[in-house]
Amino acid sequence: MNTGDAAGSPAKESGKDRSLPPGLPSGRIDRWLWAVRLAKTRQIAAQGCRGGHVRVNDRPAKPATPVRPGDVVKVKLAGTPRIVEVSHVIDKRVGAPVAVRCYVDHTPAPSPESKIPVAKRERGAGRPTKRERRQIDRLRGMR
């Protein structure tokens, strides 16, 4: 008999169930970075490793460096530094909600002074004058 509880039906649960794929004991760092969506492509992840932008447990990583659960990975790809701890090793790319559960993000929040104030001008005001340009440079801290 139907009890009217739609949440208990298998069809509803399969849409919400985003279980982690089977984990591996270890895997390549370039594949893991790509699989958990920290790098857009595997080639970019490998280039980042070769360029010294990826560190595993404070050691420079080559693309084939093994990564295991519990390792701390420091990545600076696309200009954004990230510090993550590996919680699940995968080698196939997965969806974003599942990928986020494969690591613990320890990246500190960006400091408020890192943001550069942007000078706003009224629409149609034209190019800044020499005096306004100096004021903009002073605001940005260039002089």
N, C-alpha and C. Protein backbone atom coordinates (compact mmCIF):
# COMPACT_ATOMS: atom_id res chain seq x y z
N MET A 1 0.83 -1.20 0.00
CA MET A 1 0.00 0.00 0.00
C MET A 1 0.87 1.25 0.00
N ASN A 2 0.33 2.29 -0.56
CA ASN A 2 1.03 3.55 -0.61
C ASN A 2 0.72 4.34 0.64
N THR A 3 1.75 4.70 1.39
CA THR A 3 1.54 5.44 2.64
C THR A 3 1.60 6.94 2.41
N GLY A 4 1.92 7.36 1.19
CA GLY A 4 1.97 8.79 0.89
C GLY A 4 3.33 9.40 1.19
N ASP A 5 4.31 8.58 1.60
CA ASP A 5 5.64 9.09 1.91
C ASP A 5 6.51 9.00 0.67
N ALA A 6 6.64 10.11 -0.06
CA ALA A 6 7.40 10.12 -1.30
C ALA A 6 8.90 10.12 -1.03
N ALA A 7 9.32 10.57 0.14
CA ALA A 7 10.74 10.65 0.44
C ALA A 7 11.36 9.27 0.56
N GLY A 8 10.60 8.26 0.91
CA GLY A 8 11.14 6.93 1.10
C GLY A 8 11.21 6.11 -0.17
N SER A 9 10.68 6.62 -1.27
CA SER A 9 10.67 5.84 -2.50
C SER A 9 12.08 5.82 -3.11
N PRO A 10 12.45 4.68 -3.73
CA PRO A 10 13.79 4.58 -4.29
C PRO A 10 14.05 5.58 -5.42
N ALA A 11 13.04 5.96 -6.17
CA ALA A 11 13.23 6.90 -7.28
C ALA A 11 13.66 8.27 -6.76
N LYS A 12 13.10 8.71 -5.66
CA LYS A 12 13.45 10.01 -5.10
C LYS A 12 14.85 9.98 -4.49
N GLU A 13 15.20 8.88 -3.83
CA GLU A 13 16.50 8.81 -3.17
C GLU A 13 17.64 8.76 -4.17
N SER A 14 17.44 8.12 -5.32
CA SER A 14 18.53 7.99 -6.28
C SER A 14 18.95 9.36 -6.83
N GLY A 15 18.03 10.31 -6.94
CA GLY A 15 18.37 11.65 -7.41
C GLY A 15 19.17 12.43 -6.38
N LYS A 16 18.92 12.19 -5.11
CA LYS A 16 19.60 12.92 -4.06
C LYS A 16 20.87 12.21 -3.60
N ASP A 17 20.98 10.91 -3.85
CA ASP A 17 22.10 10.14 -3.36
C ASP A 17 23.33 10.41 -4.22
N ARG A 18 24.27 11.10 -3.67
CA ARG A 18 25.51 11.39 -4.38
C ARG A 18 26.65 10.76 -3.59
N SER A 19 26.67 9.45 -3.57
CA SER A 19 27.71 8.75 -2.83
C SER A 19 29.04 8.89 -3.55
N LEU A 20 30.11 8.78 -2.77
CA LEU A 20 31.44 8.89 -3.33
C LEU A 20 31.77 7.64 -4.13
N PRO A 21 32.48 7.79 -5.24
CA PRO A 21 32.91 6.61 -5.99
C PRO A 21 33.92 5.82 -5.17
N PRO A 22 34.16 4.57 -5.54
CA PRO A 22 35.13 3.78 -4.77
C PRO A 22 36.49 4.48 -4.73
N GLY A 23 37.06 4.55 -3.54
CA GLY A 23 38.33 5.23 -3.37
C GLY A 23 39.51 4.33 -3.64
N LEU A 24 40.65 4.96 -3.89
CA LEU A 24 41.89 4.25 -4.13
C LEU A 24 42.83 4.51 -2.96
N PRO A 25 43.78 3.60 -2.70
CA PRO A 25 44.72 3.86 -1.62
C PRO A 25 45.64 5.05 -1.93
N SER A 26 45.99 5.22 -3.22
CA SER A 26 46.79 6.37 -3.63
C SER A 26 46.56 6.60 -5.13
N GLY A 27 46.98 7.77 -5.58
CA GLY A 27 46.81 8.11 -6.99
C GLY A 27 47.73 9.25 -7.37
N ARG A 28 47.84 9.52 -8.67
CA ARG A 28 48.67 10.61 -9.17
C ARG A 28 48.06 11.96 -8.80
N ILE A 29 48.92 12.91 -8.45
CA ILE A 29 48.43 14.23 -8.05
C ILE A 29 47.78 14.96 -9.22
N ASP A 30 48.31 14.82 -10.43
CA ASP A 30 47.71 15.54 -11.55
C ASP A 30 46.31 15.01 -11.85
N ARG A 31 46.12 13.70 -11.77
CA ARG A 31 44.79 13.13 -12.00
C ARG A 31 43.82 13.53 -10.89
N TRP A 32 44.31 13.56 -9.65
CA TRP A 32 43.44 13.91 -8.53
C TRP A 32 43.00 15.37 -8.62
N LEU A 33 43.93 16.27 -8.94
CA LEU A 33 43.58 17.69 -9.08
C LEU A 33 42.51 17.89 -10.15
N TRP A 34 42.64 17.17 -11.25
CA TRP A 34 41.66 17.26 -12.33
C TRP A 34 40.33 16.62 -11.91
N ALA A 35 40.39 15.48 -11.23
CA ALA A 35 39.17 14.75 -10.85
C ALA A 35 38.32 15.54 -9.86
N VAL A 36 38.96 16.26 -8.93
CA VAL A 36 38.20 17.01 -7.93
C VAL A 36 37.97 18.45 -8.36
N ARG A 37 38.26 18.75 -9.62
CA ARG A 37 37.95 20.04 -10.24
C ARG A 37 38.73 21.23 -9.67
N LEU A 38 39.95 20.98 -9.19
CA LEU A 38 40.82 22.09 -8.81
C LEU A 38 41.59 22.60 -10.02
N ALA A 39 41.68 21.76 -11.06
CA ALA A 39 42.29 22.15 -12.33
C ALA A 39 41.27 21.87 -13.44
N LYS A 40 41.21 22.76 -14.40
CA LYS A 40 40.22 22.61 -15.46
C LYS A 40 40.51 21.42 -16.36
N THR A 41 41.79 21.18 -16.65
CA THR A 41 42.18 20.02 -17.45
C THR A 41 43.34 19.32 -16.76
N ARG A 42 43.56 18.07 -17.14
CA ARG A 42 44.67 17.33 -16.57
C ARG A 42 45.99 17.91 -17.05
N GLN A 43 46.01 18.41 -18.25
CA GLN A 43 47.23 19.02 -18.78
C GLN A 43 47.61 20.26 -17.97
N ILE A 44 46.64 21.07 -17.59
CA ILE A 44 46.92 22.24 -16.75
C ILE A 44 47.45 21.81 -15.39
N ALA A 45 46.89 20.74 -14.82
CA ALA A 45 47.36 20.22 -13.54
C ALA A 45 48.81 19.75 -13.66
N ALA A 46 49.14 19.05 -14.74
CA ALA A 46 50.50 18.55 -14.93
C ALA A 46 51.47 19.72 -15.14
N GLN A 47 51.07 20.72 -15.89
CA GLN A 47 51.92 21.89 -16.11
C GLN A 47 52.15 22.64 -14.81
N GLY A 48 51.12 22.72 -13.96
CA GLY A 48 51.26 23.36 -12.66
C GLY A 48 52.26 22.62 -11.78
N CYS A 49 52.23 21.30 -11.85
CA CYS A 49 53.20 20.50 -11.09
C CYS A 49 54.61 20.75 -11.59
N ARG A 50 54.79 20.72 -12.91
CA ARG A 50 56.12 20.94 -13.48
C ARG A 50 56.63 22.35 -13.21
N GLY A 51 55.72 23.31 -13.12
CA GLY A 51 56.10 24.70 -12.89
C GLY A 51 56.32 25.04 -11.42
N GLY A 52 56.12 24.09 -10.52
CA GLY A 52 56.35 24.34 -9.10
C GLY A 52 55.17 24.98 -8.38
N HIS A 53 53.98 24.90 -8.96
CA HIS A 53 52.81 25.52 -8.35
C HIS A 53 52.00 24.56 -7.49
N VAL A 54 52.46 23.31 -7.38
CA VAL A 54 51.75 22.30 -6.58
C VAL A 54 52.75 21.71 -5.60
N ARG A 55 52.34 21.64 -4.32
CA ARG A 55 53.16 21.04 -3.28
C ARG A 55 52.31 20.04 -2.52
N VAL A 56 52.90 18.88 -2.23
CA VAL A 56 52.23 17.85 -1.44
C VAL A 56 53.04 17.69 -0.16
N ASN A 57 52.41 17.94 0.98
CA ASN A 57 53.08 17.88 2.29
C ASN A 57 54.35 18.74 2.29
N ASP A 58 54.24 19.95 1.77
CA ASP A 58 55.32 20.94 1.70
C ASP A 58 56.53 20.48 0.89
N ARG A 59 56.32 19.58 -0.06
CA ARG A 59 57.38 19.17 -0.98
C ARG A 59 56.89 19.44 -2.40
N PRO A 60 57.77 19.93 -3.27
CA PRO A 60 57.36 20.15 -4.66
C PRO A 60 56.89 18.83 -5.27
N ALA A 61 55.82 18.91 -6.06
CA ALA A 61 55.22 17.70 -6.63
C ALA A 61 55.43 17.64 -8.13
N LYS A 62 55.77 16.47 -8.61
CA LYS A 62 55.79 16.19 -10.04
C LYS A 62 54.41 15.64 -10.38
N PRO A 63 54.04 15.58 -11.65
CA PRO A 63 52.71 15.07 -12.00
C PRO A 63 52.42 13.66 -11.49
N ALA A 64 53.44 12.81 -11.36
CA ALA A 64 53.23 11.43 -10.93
C ALA A 64 53.39 11.24 -9.43
N THR A 65 53.52 12.33 -8.67
CA THR A 65 53.65 12.21 -7.22
C THR A 65 52.40 11.56 -6.64
N PRO A 66 52.58 10.52 -5.81
CA PRO A 66 51.39 9.87 -5.25
C PRO A 66 50.74 10.74 -4.17
N VAL A 67 49.44 10.68 -4.11
CA VAL A 67 48.67 11.41 -3.10
C VAL A 67 47.79 10.40 -2.38
N ARG A 68 47.71 10.52 -1.06
CA ARG A 68 46.95 9.60 -0.22
C ARG A 68 46.02 10.39 0.69
N PRO A 69 44.99 9.75 1.22
CA PRO A 69 44.14 10.47 2.19
C PRO A 69 44.98 10.96 3.36
N GLY A 70 44.74 12.21 3.75
CA GLY A 70 45.48 12.82 4.84
C GLY A 70 46.58 13.75 4.36
N ASP A 71 46.97 13.68 3.09
CA ASP A 71 48.00 14.57 2.55
C ASP A 71 47.46 15.99 2.42
N VAL A 72 48.34 16.96 2.64
CA VAL A 72 47.98 18.37 2.48
C VAL A 72 48.57 18.84 1.16
N VAL A 73 47.70 19.38 0.30
CA VAL A 73 48.10 19.81 -1.04
C VAL A 73 47.94 21.33 -1.12
N LYS A 74 49.03 22.00 -1.51
CA LYS A 74 48.98 23.44 -1.74
C LYS A 74 49.06 23.66 -3.25
N VAL A 75 48.07 24.36 -3.79
CA VAL A 75 47.95 24.53 -5.23
C VAL A 75 47.79 26.01 -5.54
N LYS A 76 48.51 26.47 -6.56
CA LYS A 76 48.30 27.83 -7.05
C LYS A 76 48.12 27.74 -8.56
N LEU A 77 46.89 27.53 -8.97
CA LEU A 77 46.54 27.46 -10.38
C LEU A 77 45.54 28.56 -10.68
N ALA A 78 45.64 29.16 -11.83
CA ALA A 78 44.76 30.26 -12.26
C ALA A 78 44.84 31.44 -11.30
N GLY A 79 46.01 31.62 -10.66
CA GLY A 79 46.22 32.77 -9.80
C GLY A 79 45.57 32.68 -8.43
N THR A 80 44.92 31.57 -8.12
CA THR A 80 44.23 31.42 -6.84
C THR A 80 44.94 30.38 -5.99
N PRO A 81 45.54 30.78 -4.86
CA PRO A 81 46.18 29.78 -4.00
C PRO A 81 45.13 29.02 -3.18
N ARG A 82 45.27 27.71 -3.10
CA ARG A 82 44.35 26.87 -2.34
C ARG A 82 45.16 25.92 -1.47
N ILE A 83 44.68 25.64 -0.28
CA ILE A 83 45.27 24.65 0.61
C ILE A 83 44.17 23.65 0.94
N VAL A 84 44.35 22.40 0.52
CA VAL A 84 43.33 21.38 0.72
C VAL A 84 43.96 20.13 1.32
N GLU A 85 43.15 19.40 2.07
CA GLU A 85 43.58 18.12 2.63
C GLU A 85 42.81 17.03 1.91
N VAL A 86 43.51 16.03 1.44
CA VAL A 86 42.90 14.94 0.68
C VAL A 86 42.11 14.06 1.65
N SER A 87 40.83 13.86 1.38
CA SER A 87 40.03 12.96 2.21
C SER A 87 39.59 11.72 1.44
N HIS A 88 39.65 11.78 0.11
CA HIS A 88 39.22 10.64 -0.71
C HIS A 88 39.97 10.73 -2.04
N VAL A 89 40.62 9.65 -2.43
CA VAL A 89 41.39 9.64 -3.68
C VAL A 89 40.53 9.05 -4.79
N ILE A 90 40.37 9.82 -5.87
CA ILE A 90 39.65 9.35 -7.06
C ILE A 90 40.50 9.66 -8.28
N ASP A 91 40.25 8.94 -9.37
CA ASP A 91 41.00 9.21 -10.59
C ASP A 91 40.10 9.49 -11.78
N LYS A 92 38.80 9.45 -11.59
CA LYS A 92 37.84 9.80 -12.64
C LYS A 92 37.15 11.10 -12.24
N ARG A 93 36.92 11.97 -13.20
CA ARG A 93 36.27 13.26 -12.93
C ARG A 93 34.81 13.02 -12.52
N VAL A 94 34.39 13.70 -11.49
CA VAL A 94 33.04 13.55 -10.96
C VAL A 94 32.38 14.92 -10.92
N GLY A 95 31.09 14.94 -10.63
CA GLY A 95 30.35 16.19 -10.53
C GLY A 95 30.84 17.04 -9.37
N ALA A 96 30.56 18.32 -9.44
CA ALA A 96 31.04 19.26 -8.43
C ALA A 96 30.58 18.93 -7.01
N PRO A 97 29.30 18.55 -6.78
CA PRO A 97 28.89 18.24 -5.41
C PRO A 97 29.65 17.05 -4.82
N VAL A 98 30.00 16.08 -5.64
CA VAL A 98 30.76 14.92 -5.16
C VAL A 98 32.23 15.28 -5.01
N ALA A 99 32.76 16.08 -5.93
CA ALA A 99 34.18 16.46 -5.90
C ALA A 99 34.52 17.23 -4.63
N VAL A 100 33.64 18.07 -4.17
CA VAL A 100 33.90 18.88 -2.98
C VAL A 100 34.06 17.99 -1.74
N ARG A 101 33.42 16.84 -1.75
CA ARG A 101 33.50 15.94 -0.60
C ARG A 101 34.78 15.11 -0.59
N CYS A 102 35.62 15.22 -1.62
CA CYS A 102 36.86 14.46 -1.70
C CYS A 102 38.03 15.20 -1.07
N TYR A 103 37.81 16.42 -0.60
CA TYR A 103 38.88 17.16 0.07
C TYR A 103 38.27 18.09 1.12
N VAL A 104 39.13 18.51 2.06
CA VAL A 104 38.75 19.47 3.09
C VAL A 104 39.53 20.75 2.78
N ASP A 105 38.82 21.84 2.57
CA ASP A 105 39.44 23.09 2.18
C ASP A 105 39.93 23.85 3.42
N HIS A 106 41.25 24.09 3.49
CA HIS A 106 41.86 24.85 4.59
C HIS A 106 42.36 26.21 4.11
N THR A 107 41.88 26.67 2.97
CA THR A 107 42.32 27.93 2.41
C THR A 107 41.84 29.08 3.30
N PRO A 108 42.75 29.96 3.74
CA PRO A 108 42.30 31.10 4.55
C PRO A 108 41.49 32.07 3.71
N ALA A 109 40.60 32.77 4.37
CA ALA A 109 39.77 33.76 3.69
C ALA A 109 40.66 34.91 3.20
N PRO A 110 40.35 35.48 2.04
CA PRO A 110 41.18 36.58 1.54
C PRO A 110 41.09 37.79 2.46
N SER A 111 42.23 38.45 2.66
CA SER A 111 42.25 39.61 3.53
C SER A 111 41.55 40.79 2.86
N PRO A 112 40.87 41.62 3.65
CA PRO A 112 40.14 42.75 3.05
C PRO A 112 41.07 43.77 2.39
N GLU A 113 42.32 43.91 2.87
CA GLU A 113 43.21 44.89 2.27
C GLU A 113 43.77 44.42 0.93
N SER A 114 43.57 43.13 0.59
CA SER A 114 44.06 42.64 -0.69
C SER A 114 43.21 43.17 -1.85
N LYS A 115 42.02 43.63 -1.56
CA LYS A 115 41.17 44.19 -2.60
C LYS A 115 41.59 45.63 -2.87
N ILE A 116 41.80 45.94 -4.14
CA ILE A 116 42.18 47.29 -4.53
C ILE A 116 40.91 48.08 -4.79
N PRO A 117 40.78 49.26 -4.18
CA PRO A 117 39.59 50.06 -4.46
C PRO A 117 39.56 50.48 -5.92
N VAL A 118 38.38 50.48 -6.48
CA VAL A 118 38.20 50.83 -7.87
C VAL A 118 37.58 52.21 -7.96
N ALA A 119 38.21 53.07 -8.73
CA ALA A 119 37.69 54.41 -8.91
C ALA A 119 36.51 54.36 -9.88
N LYS A 120 35.39 54.94 -9.48
CA LYS A 120 34.20 54.97 -10.32
C LYS A 120 34.05 56.36 -10.91
N ARG A 121 33.66 56.40 -12.15
CA ARG A 121 33.40 57.67 -12.82
C ARG A 121 31.99 57.67 -13.35
N GLU A 122 31.44 58.83 -13.46
CA GLU A 122 30.09 58.95 -14.00
C GLU A 122 30.10 58.55 -15.46
N ARG A 123 29.02 57.95 -15.88
CA ARG A 123 28.90 57.53 -17.26
C ARG A 123 28.90 58.76 -18.17
N GLY A 124 29.71 58.69 -19.22
CA GLY A 124 29.77 59.80 -20.17
C GLY A 124 30.71 60.91 -19.75
N ALA A 125 31.48 60.72 -18.68
CA ALA A 125 32.37 61.77 -18.20
C ALA A 125 33.65 61.85 -19.02
N GLY A 126 33.89 60.88 -19.89
CA GLY A 126 35.09 60.91 -20.72
C GLY A 126 36.31 60.39 -19.98
N ARG A 127 37.47 60.64 -20.58
CA ARG A 127 38.71 60.18 -19.98
C ARG A 127 39.06 61.04 -18.78
N PRO A 128 39.77 60.45 -17.79
CA PRO A 128 40.15 61.26 -16.63
C PRO A 128 41.18 62.33 -17.01
N THR A 129 41.08 63.47 -16.34
CA THR A 129 42.07 64.52 -16.55
C THR A 129 43.36 64.13 -15.83
N LYS A 130 44.41 64.91 -16.03
CA LYS A 130 45.69 64.61 -15.39
C LYS A 130 45.54 64.65 -13.87
N ARG A 131 44.79 65.60 -13.37
CA ARG A 131 44.57 65.74 -11.93
C ARG A 131 43.80 64.53 -11.39
N GLU A 132 42.75 64.12 -12.11
CA GLU A 132 41.96 62.96 -11.69
C GLU A 132 42.80 61.69 -11.75
N ARG A 133 43.68 61.59 -12.73
CA ARG A 133 44.55 60.42 -12.86
C ARG A 133 45.47 60.29 -11.65
N ARG A 134 46.01 61.43 -11.20
CA ARG A 134 46.86 61.43 -10.00
C ARG A 134 46.07 61.00 -8.77
N GLN A 135 44.84 61.46 -8.67
CA GLN A 135 43.99 61.06 -7.54
C GLN A 135 43.70 59.56 -7.56
N ILE A 136 43.47 59.03 -8.75
CA ILE A 136 43.22 57.59 -8.89
C ILE A 136 44.45 56.80 -8.49
N ASP A 137 45.63 57.25 -8.93
CA ASP A 137 46.88 56.57 -8.57
C ASP A 137 47.12 56.63 -7.07
N ARG A 138 46.82 57.75 -6.43
CA ARG A 138 46.97 57.88 -4.99
C ARG A 138 46.02 56.94 -4.25
N LEU A 139 44.81 56.81 -4.78
CA LEU A 139 43.81 55.93 -4.18
C LEU A 139 44.26 54.47 -4.27
N ARG A 140 44.87 54.11 -5.37
CA ARG A 140 45.35 52.74 -5.55
C ARG A 140 46.66 52.48 -4.80
N GLY A 141 47.28 53.50 -4.27
CA GLY A 141 48.53 53.34 -3.52
C GLY A 141 49.76 53.27 -4.38
N MET A 142 49.65 53.79 -5.60
CA MET A 142 50.80 53.74 -6.50
C MET A 142 51.73 54.91 -6.31
N ARG A 143 51.32 55.96 -5.65
CA ARG A 143 52.19 57.12 -5.38
C ARG A 143 52.14 57.49 -3.94
